[in-house]
C-alpha atoms as a PDB file:
ATOM      1  CA  MET A   1     -80.649 -28.401-142.644  1.00  0.00           C
ATOM      2  CA  SER A   2     -84.375 -28.589-143.334  1.00  0.00           C
ATOM      3  CA  ARG A   3     -85.688 -30.935-145.998  1.00  0.00           C
ATOM      4  CA  THR A   4     -87.711 -29.751-148.994  1.00  0.00           C
ATOM      5  CA  LEU A   5     -91.036 -31.407-149.798  1.00  0.00           C
ATOM      6  CA  LEU A   6     -93.021 -31.051-153.020  1.00  0.00           C
ATOM      7  CA  LEU A   7     -96.764 -31.332-152.336  1.00  0.00           C
ATOM      8  CA  ILE A   8     -98.971 -31.992-155.379  1.00  0.00           C
ATOM      9  CA  ASP A   9    -102.707 -31.836-154.643  1.00  0.00           C
ATOM     10  CA  ASP A  10    -105.585 -30.038-156.334  1.00  0.00           C
ATOM     11  CA  ASP A  11    -107.365 -29.346-153.021  1.00  0.00           C
ATOM     12  CA  ALA A  12    -106.432 -25.744-152.179  1.00  0.00           C
ATOM     13  CA  LEU A  13    -107.526 -26.063-148.548  1.00  0.00           C
ATOM     14  CA  LEU A  14    -105.423 -29.184-148.057  1.00  0.00           C
ATOM     15  CA  ARG A  15    -102.419 -27.538-149.681  1.00  0.00           C
ATOM     16  CA  ARG A  16    -102.642 -24.606-147.281  1.00  0.00           C
ATOM     17  CA  SER A  17    -103.384 -26.562-144.110  1.00  0.00           C
ATOM     18  CA  LEU A  18    -100.985 -29.442-144.774  1.00  0.00           C
ATOM     19  CA  GLY A  19     -98.295 -27.071-146.003  1.00  0.00           C
ATOM     20  CA  PHE A  20     -98.598 -25.083-142.788  1.00  0.00           C
ATOM     21  CA  SER A  21     -98.361 -28.234-140.644  1.00  0.00           C
ATOM     22  CA  LEU A  22     -95.348 -29.545-142.529  1.00  0.00           C
ATOM     23  CA  GLU A  23     -93.565 -26.202-142.256  1.00  0.00           C
ATOM     24  CA  ARG A  24     -94.252 -26.157-138.512  1.00  0.00           C
ATOM     25  CA  ALA A  25     -92.596 -29.583-138.388  1.00  0.00           C
ATOM     26  CA  GLY A  26     -89.460 -28.083-139.910  1.00  0.00           C
ATOM     27  CA  TYR A  27     -89.847 -28.828-143.614  1.00  0.00           C
ATOM     28  CA  ARG A  28     -89.739 -26.430-146.541  1.00  0.00           C
ATOM     29  CA  VAL A  29     -92.835 -26.985-148.677  1.00  0.00           C
ATOM     30  CA  HIS A  30     -93.552 -26.196-152.325  1.00  0.00           C
ATOM     31  CA  ALA A  31     -97.238 -26.858-153.048  1.00  0.00           C
ATOM     32  CA  MET A  32     -98.730 -27.197-156.516  1.00  0.00           C
ATOM     33  CA  ALA A  33    -102.186 -28.019-157.834  1.00  0.00           C
ATOM     34  CA  THR A  34    -101.323 -29.953-160.997  1.00  0.00           C
ATOM     35  CA  ALA A  35     -98.849 -32.614-162.012  1.00  0.00           C
ATOM     36  CA  GLU A  36     -97.921 -30.612-165.100  1.00  0.00           C
ATOM     37  CA  ASP A  37     -96.811 -27.609-163.014  1.00  0.00           C
ATOM     38  CA  ALA A  38     -94.941 -29.847-160.595  1.00  0.00           C
ATOM     39  CA  LEU A  39     -93.051 -31.691-163.337  1.00  0.00           C
ATOM     40  CA  ALA A  40     -92.027 -28.377-164.876  1.00  0.00           C
ATOM     41  CA  TRP A  41     -90.835 -27.150-161.453  1.00  0.00           C
ATOM     42  CA  LEU A  42     -88.807 -30.323-160.943  1.00  0.00           C
ATOM     43  CA  LYS A  43     -86.715 -29.615-164.040  1.00  0.00           C
ATOM     44  CA  ALA A  44     -85.024 -26.771-162.145  1.00  0.00           C
ATOM     45  CA  ASN A  45     -85.427 -27.878-158.523  1.00  0.00           C
ATOM     46  CA  GLN A  46     -84.610 -30.946-156.437  1.00  0.00           C
ATOM     47  CA  PRO A  47     -86.825 -31.665-153.424  1.00  0.00           C
ATOM     48  CA  ASP A  48     -86.053 -34.397-150.917  1.00  0.00           C
ATOM     49  CA  LEU A  49     -89.474 -36.039-151.225  1.00  0.00           C
ATOM     50  CA  VAL A  50     -92.732 -35.741-153.202  1.00  0.00           C
ATOM     51  CA  LEU A  51     -96.232 -36.022-151.734  1.00  0.00           C
ATOM     52  CA  LEU A  52     -98.427 -36.910-154.698  1.00  0.00           C
ATOM     53  CA  ASP A  53    -102.214 -37.080-154.775  1.00  0.00           C
ATOM     54  CA  ILE A  54    -103.563 -39.837-157.021  1.00  0.00           C
ATOM     55  CA  THR A  55    -106.717 -37.974-158.078  1.00  0.00           C
ATOM     56  CA  LEU A  56    -105.507 -34.925-160.007  1.00  0.00           C
ATOM     57  CA  PRO A  57    -107.101 -33.008-162.895  1.00  0.00           C
ATOM     58  CA  GLU A  58    -105.882 -33.833-166.411  1.00  0.00           C
ATOM     59  CA  MET A  59    -102.734 -35.877-165.652  1.00  0.00           C
ATOM     60  CA  ASP A  60    -103.532 -38.094-162.667  1.00  0.00           C
ATOM     61  CA  GLY A  61    -101.103 -39.063-159.966  1.00  0.00           C
ATOM     62  CA  LEU A  62    -100.293 -42.526-161.310  1.00  0.00           C
ATOM     63  CA  GLU A  63     -99.345 -41.150-164.722  1.00  0.00           C
ATOM     64  CA  ALA A  64     -97.276 -38.464-163.004  1.00  0.00           C
ATOM     65  CA  LEU A  65     -95.591 -41.209-160.974  1.00  0.00           C
ATOM     66  CA  ARG A  66     -94.599 -43.031-164.175  1.00  0.00           C
ATOM     67  CA  ILE A  67     -92.883 -39.869-165.393  1.00  0.00           C
ATOM     68  CA  LEU A  68     -91.258 -39.214-162.020  1.00  0.00           C
ATOM     69  CA  ARG A  69     -89.788 -42.694-161.959  1.00  0.00           C
ATOM     70  CA  ARG A  70     -88.490 -42.374-165.508  1.00  0.00           C
ATOM     71  CA  GLU A  71     -86.954 -38.905-165.076  1.00  0.00           C
ATOM     72  CA  TRP A  72     -86.035 -38.912-161.363  1.00  0.00           C
ATOM     73  CA  PRO A  73     -85.732 -42.602-160.368  1.00  0.00           C
ATOM     74  CA  MET A  74     -84.199 -41.957-156.942  1.00  0.00           C
ATOM     75  CA  LEU A  75     -86.658 -39.280-155.774  1.00  0.00           C
ATOM     76  CA  PRO A  76     -88.800 -40.619-152.886  1.00  0.00           C
ATOM     77  CA  VAL A  77     -92.563 -40.451-153.502  1.00  0.00           C
ATOM     78  CA  ILE A  78     -95.458 -40.916-151.080  1.00  0.00           C
ATOM     79  CA  LEU A  79     -98.899 -41.299-152.651  1.00  0.00           C
ATOM     80  CA  LEU A  80    -101.864 -39.541-151.065  1.00  0.00           C
ATOM     81  CA  THR A  81    -105.095 -41.296-151.968  1.00  0.00           C
ATOM     82  CA  ALA A  82    -108.753 -40.984-151.055  1.00  0.00           C
ATOM     83  CA  ARG A  83    -109.416 -44.251-152.874  1.00  0.00           C
ATOM     84  CA  ARG A  84    -109.615 -47.176-150.510  1.00  0.00           C
ATOM     85  CA  ARG A  85    -109.285 -49.816-153.206  1.00  0.00           C
ATOM     86  CA  GLU A  86    -106.102 -51.757-152.499  1.00  0.00           C
ATOM     87  CA  LEU A  87    -105.459 -52.184-156.235  1.00  0.00           C
ATOM     88  CA  ASP A  88    -104.641 -48.493-156.648  1.00  0.00           C
ATOM     89  CA  GLU A  89    -102.288 -48.596-153.701  1.00  0.00           C
ATOM     90  CA  ILE A  90    -100.440 -51.705-154.890  1.00  0.00           C
ATOM     91  CA  LEU A  91    -100.315 -50.362-158.455  1.00  0.00           C
ATOM     92  CA  GLY A  92     -98.761 -47.183-157.143  1.00  0.00           C
ATOM     93  CA  LEU A  93     -96.119 -49.141-155.270  1.00  0.00           C
ATOM     94  CA  GLU A  94     -95.392 -51.247-158.355  1.00  0.00           C
ATOM     95  CA  LEU A  95     -94.863 -48.089-160.391  1.00  0.00           C
ATOM     96  CA  GLY A  96     -92.298 -46.983-157.881  1.00  0.00           C
ATOM     97  CA  ALA A  97     -93.998 -45.172-155.008  1.00  0.00           C
ATOM     98  CA  ASP A  98     -92.125 -45.566-151.741  1.00  0.00           C
ATOM     99  CA  ASP A  99     -95.223 -45.459-149.575  1.00  0.00           C
ATOM    100  CA  TYR A 100     -98.858 -44.375-149.493  1.00  0.00           C
ATOM    101  CA  VAL A 101    -101.175 -42.702-147.004  1.00  0.00           C
ATOM    102  CA  THR A 102    -104.956 -42.913-147.301  1.00  0.00           C
ATOM    103  CA  LYS A 103    -107.076 -39.799-146.850  1.00  0.00           C
ATOM    104  CA  PRO A 104    -108.305 -38.584-144.471  1.00  0.00           C
ATOM    105  CA  PHE A 105    -105.097 -38.916-142.485  1.00  0.00           C
ATOM    106  CA  ASP A 106    -103.721 -37.560-139.252  1.00  0.00           C
ATOM    107  CA  THR A 107    -100.820 -35.166-139.829  1.00  0.00           C
ATOM    108  CA  ASP A 108     -98.710 -36.973-137.230  1.00  0.00           C
ATOM    109  CA  VAL A 109     -99.216 -40.228-139.130  1.00  0.00           C
ATOM    110  CA  LEU A 110     -98.128 -38.586-142.386  1.00  0.00           C
ATOM    111  CA  LEU A 111     -95.085 -37.087-140.662  1.00  0.00           C
ATOM    112  CA  ALA A 112     -94.102 -40.540-139.422  1.00  0.00           C
ATOM    113  CA  HIS A 113     -94.331 -41.904-142.970  1.00  0.00           C
ATOM    114  CA  ILE A 114     -92.272 -38.995-144.313  1.00  0.00           C
ATOM    115  CA  LYS A 115     -89.542 -39.565-141.743  1.00  0.00           C
ATOM    116  CA  ALA A 116     -89.483 -43.309-142.449  1.00  0.00           C
ATOM    117  CA  VAL A 117     -89.224 -42.857-146.229  1.00  0.00           C
ATOM    118  CA  LEU A 118     -86.501 -40.216-145.903  1.00  0.00           C
ATOM    119  CA  ARG A 119     -84.604 -42.489-143.545  1.00  0.00           C
ATOM    120  CA  ARG A 120     -84.823 -45.413-145.983  1.00  0.00           C
ATOM    121  CA  SER A 121     -83.803 -43.246-148.924  1.00  0.00           C
ATOM    122  CA  GLU A 122     -80.650 -42.213-147.066  1.00  0.00           C
ATOM    123  CA  ILE A 123     -79.710 -45.875-146.599  1.00  0.00           C
ATOM    124  CA  THR A 124     -80.578 -47.154-150.080  1.00  0.00           C
ATOM    125  CA  GLY A 125     -79.079 -44.074-151.683  1.00  0.00           C
ATOM    126  CA  GLN A 126     -75.572 -45.021-150.534  1.00  0.00           C
ATOM    127  CA  PRO A 127     -74.205 -47.174-153.378  1.00  0.00           C
ATOM    128  CA  ALA A 128     -70.885 -47.815-151.623  1.00  0.00           C
ATOM    129  CA  SER A 129     -72.713 -49.873-149.026  1.00  0.00           C
ATOM    130  CA  ARG A 130     -74.178 -52.130-151.728  1.00  0.00           C
ATOM    131  CA  PRO A 131     -71.670 -53.353-154.312  1.00  0.00           C
ATOM    132  CA  PRO A 132     -72.642 -54.509-157.813  1.00  0.00           C
ATOM    133  CA  ILE A 133     -73.544 -58.185-158.045  1.00  0.00           C
ATOM    134  CA  THR A 134     -73.333 -60.648-160.916  1.00  0.00           C
ATOM    135  CA  LEU A 135     -74.797 -64.074-160.343  1.00  0.00           C
ATOM    136  CA  ASP A 136     -74.864 -66.381-163.355  1.00  0.00           C
ATOM    137  CA  ASP A 137     -76.578 -64.346-166.120  1.00  0.00           C
ATOM    138  CA  LEU A 138     -78.088 -61.698-163.832  1.00  0.00           C
ATOM    139  CA  SER A 139     -76.306 -58.433-162.933  1.00  0.00           C
ATOM    140  CA  LEU A 140     -77.427 -55.716-160.503  1.00  0.00           C
ATOM    141  CA  ASP A 141     -75.752 -52.330-160.015  1.00  0.00           C
ATOM    142  CA  PRO A 142     -77.097 -50.345-157.025  1.00  0.00           C
ATOM    143  CA  GLN A 143     -75.290 -47.162-158.051  1.00  0.00           C
ATOM    144  CA  THR A 144     -77.175 -46.870-161.339  1.00  0.00           C
ATOM    145  CA  ARG A 145     -80.047 -49.098-160.182  1.00  0.00           C
ATOM    146  CA  GLN A 146     -79.686 -51.019-163.419  1.00  0.00           C
ATOM    147  CA  ALA A 147     -80.440 -54.720-163.744  1.00  0.00           C
ATOM    148  CA  THR A 148     -79.592 -56.875-166.742  1.00  0.00           C
ATOM    149  CA  LEU A 149     -80.480 -60.461-167.580  1.00  0.00           C
ATOM    150  CA  ARG A 150     -78.278 -62.122-170.192  1.00  0.00           C
ATOM    151  CA  GLY A 151     -77.108 -58.622-171.115  1.00  0.00           C
ATOM    152  CA  THR A 152     -80.631 -57.276-171.663  1.00  0.00           C
ATOM    153  CA  PRO A 153     -81.751 -54.398-169.390  1.00  0.00           C
ATOM    154  CA  LEU A 154     -84.687 -55.140-167.092  1.00  0.00           C
ATOM    155  CA  SER A 155     -87.346 -52.532-166.395  1.00  0.00           C
ATOM    156  CA  LEU A 156     -87.705 -52.703-162.612  1.00  0.00           C
ATOM    157  CA  SER A 157     -89.401 -50.349-160.205  1.00  0.00           C
ATOM    158  CA  PRO A 158     -87.282 -49.210-157.222  1.00  0.00           C
ATOM    159  CA  ARG A 159     -89.042 -51.717-154.954  1.00  0.00           C
ATOM    160  CA  GLU A 160     -88.531 -54.549-157.406  1.00  0.00           C
ATOM    161  CA  PHE A 161     -84.843 -53.708-157.720  1.00  0.00           C
ATOM    162  CA  ASP A 162     -84.338 -53.587-153.942  1.00  0.00           C
ATOM    163  CA  LEU A 163     -86.236 -56.840-153.437  1.00  0.00           C
ATOM    164  CA  LEU A 164     -84.301 -58.653-156.158  1.00  0.00           C
ATOM    165  CA  TYR A 165     -80.986 -57.271-154.905  1.00  0.00           C
ATOM    166  CA  LEU A 166     -81.737 -58.499-151.390  1.00  0.00           C
ATOM    167  CA  LEU A 167     -82.612 -61.992-152.601  1.00  0.00           C
ATOM    168  CA  VAL A 168     -79.649 -62.285-154.965  1.00  0.00           C
ATOM    169  CA  SER A 169     -77.120 -60.868-152.493  1.00  0.00           C
ATOM    170  CA  HIS A 170     -78.123 -63.553-149.970  1.00  0.00           C
ATOM    171  CA  ALA A 171     -78.458 -66.459-152.432  1.00  0.00           C
ATOM    172  CA  PRO A 172     -79.161 -69.261-151.762  1.00  0.00           C
ATOM    173  CA  GLN A 173     -80.162 -68.255-148.221  1.00  0.00           C
ATOM    174  CA  VAL A 174     -83.863 -68.295-147.349  1.00  0.00           C
ATOM    175  CA  ILE A 175     -85.160 -64.868-146.313  1.00  0.00           C
ATOM    176  CA  ARG A 176     -88.337 -64.719-144.280  1.00  0.00           C
ATOM    177  CA  THR A 177     -91.253 -62.801-145.754  1.00  0.00           C
ATOM    178  CA  LYS A 178     -91.416 -60.497-142.752  1.00  0.00           C
ATOM    179  CA  ASP A 179     -87.704 -59.697-143.121  1.00  0.00           C
ATOM    180  CA  LEU A 180     -88.151 -58.860-146.810  1.00  0.00           C
ATOM    181  CA  LEU A 181     -91.059 -56.629-145.852  1.00  0.00           C
ATOM    182  CA  ASN A 182     -89.067 -54.889-143.133  1.00  0.00           C
ATOM    183  CA  GLN A 183     -85.893 -54.349-145.152  1.00  0.00           C
ATOM    184  CA  VAL A 184     -87.463 -53.300-148.461  1.00  0.00           C
ATOM    185  CA  TRP A 185     -90.619 -51.529-147.317  1.00  0.00           C
ATOM    186  CA  GLY A 186     -89.913 -50.684-143.686  1.00  0.00           C
ATOM    187  CA  PRO A 187     -91.463 -51.592-140.327  1.00  0.00           C
ATOM    188  CA  GLU A 188     -94.621 -49.585-140.989  1.00  0.00           C
ATOM    189  CA  PHE A 189     -95.579 -52.228-143.599  1.00  0.00           C
ATOM    190  CA  GLN A 190     -95.485 -55.116-141.115  1.00  0.00           C
ATOM    191  CA  GLY A 191     -98.679 -57.117-141.344  1.00  0.00           C
ATOM    192  CA  GLN A 192     -99.004 -56.549-145.121  1.00  0.00           C
ATOM    193  CA  PRO A 193     -97.266 -59.631-146.607  1.00  0.00           C
ATOM    194  CA  GLN A 194     -99.448 -59.381-149.731  1.00  0.00           C
ATOM    195  CA  VAL A 195     -97.179 -56.536-150.864  1.00  0.00           C
ATOM    196  CA  VAL A 196     -94.261 -58.992-150.970  1.00  0.00           C
ATOM    197  CA  TYR A 197     -96.355 -61.660-152.716  1.00  0.00           C
ATOM    198  CA  VAL A 198     -97.371 -59.243-155.475  1.00  0.00           C
ATOM    199  CA  HIS A 199     -93.832 -57.971-156.055  1.00  0.00           C
ATOM    200  CA  ILE A 200     -92.417 -61.504-156.122  1.00  0.00           C
ATOM    201  CA  ARG A 201     -94.953 -62.357-158.832  1.00  0.00           C
ATOM    202  CA  TRP A 202     -93.959 -59.277-160.846  1.00  0.00           C
ATOM    203  CA  LEU A 203     -90.266 -60.151-160.514  1.00  0.00           C
ATOM    204  CA  ARG A 204     -90.926 -63.694-161.702  1.00  0.00           C
ATOM    205  CA  GLU A 205     -92.728 -62.320-164.753  1.00  0.00           C
ATOM    206  CA  ARG A 206     -89.600 -60.320-165.579  1.00  0.00           C
ATOM    207  CA  ILE A 207     -86.830 -62.864-164.969  1.00  0.00           C
ATOM    208  CA  GLU A 208     -88.334 -66.365-165.137  1.00  0.00           C
ATOM    209  CA  SER A 209     -88.677 -68.313-168.382  1.00  0.00           C
ATOM    210  CA  ASP A 210     -91.913 -69.733-166.971  1.00  0.00           C
ATOM    211  CA  PRO A 211     -93.265 -67.568-164.109  1.00  0.00           C
ATOM    212  CA  ASP A 212     -95.741 -70.292-163.138  1.00  0.00           C
ATOM    213  CA  HIS A 213     -92.848 -72.720-162.584  1.00  0.00           C
ATOM    214  CA  PRO A 214     -90.046 -70.503-161.247  1.00  0.00           C
ATOM    215  CA  GLN A 215     -86.458 -71.708-161.268  1.00  0.00           C
ATOM    216  CA  ARG A 216     -84.813 -68.576-159.835  1.00  0.00           C
ATOM    217  CA  ILE A 217     -87.024 -67.110-157.087  1.00  0.00           C
ATOM    218  CA  LEU A 218     -88.264 -70.082-155.092  1.00  0.00           C
ATOM    219  CA  THR A 219     -90.957 -70.138-152.440  1.00  0.00           C
ATOM    220  CA  VAL A 220     -90.102 -71.828-149.155  1.00  0.00           C
ATOM    221  CA  ARG A 221     -93.609 -72.535-147.947  1.00  0.00           C
ATOM    222  CA  GLY A 222     -94.487 -70.994-144.609  1.00  0.00           C
ATOM    223  CA  ILE A 223     -91.161 -69.179-144.353  1.00  0.00           C
ATOM    224  CA  GLY A 224     -90.243 -66.943-147.268  1.00  0.00           C
ATOM    225  CA  TYR A 225     -88.189 -66.956-150.464  1.00  0.00           C
ATOM    226  CA  ARG A 226     -84.715 -67.691-151.764  1.00  0.00           C
ATOM    227  CA  TYR A 227     -82.856 -67.021-154.989  1.00  0.00           C
ATOM    228  CA  GLU A 228     -81.560 -70.206-156.575  1.00  0.00           C
ATOM    229  CA  ARG A 229     -78.073 -70.065-158.052  1.00  0.00           C
ATOM    230  CA  ARG A 230     -78.305 -71.610-161.489  1.00  0.00           C
ATOM    231  CA  GLY A 231     -75.303 -73.806-160.716  1.00  0.00           C
ATOM    232  CA  ASP A 232     -77.161 -75.130-157.650  1.00  0.00           C
ATOM    233  CA  SER A 233     -80.140 -76.348-159.668  1.00  0.00           C
ATOM    234  CA  SER A 234     -80.453 -80.079-159.960  1.00  0.00           C
END
């Protein structure tokens, strides 16, 4: 069964050419020029993945991504960006994008990213394979993707949730940075450890009493990170 992709880009030529290439690759494609039209379409339709341009008229792609993550938290999103500033790319990932591709891009490269994100979404979308976890005052439920600390809900992006779940589920084992990168982001992100560093910092800001002196997510210098069980703290 062919997968359905929602392409949101204000470049009419790109919508036609990329839509044609994606359909030749076996996907069904719905292409729209504005985020507003796409969000309205999503209320009655459920694609398998969204390709979202950052630079859109009126509502830009990052604002659209915020809404997508609030309304459809499990829907995979790949950002398409002509901006080469890494800040935009990392911000997009923090808001919940699953991946990004920088324009101009080769269609085969984009297809590889699409396949990788769809493959990861199939794995992470199976809650039975990841049971709920409660460790001290922190609880994580993969089925609802809800996290609570001392009973208070945490606002986590999908990446943050997956990263925290991986650390907590292996506590107090040390997990290498490259393994965190591979398991949470996928092999195509190898060589980009700064993505892990940034997300670890964001997690510490959400769960640590003092993010500058963490007691939960600890750095093992030169290796990676581990989650410290509160009962193990000296």
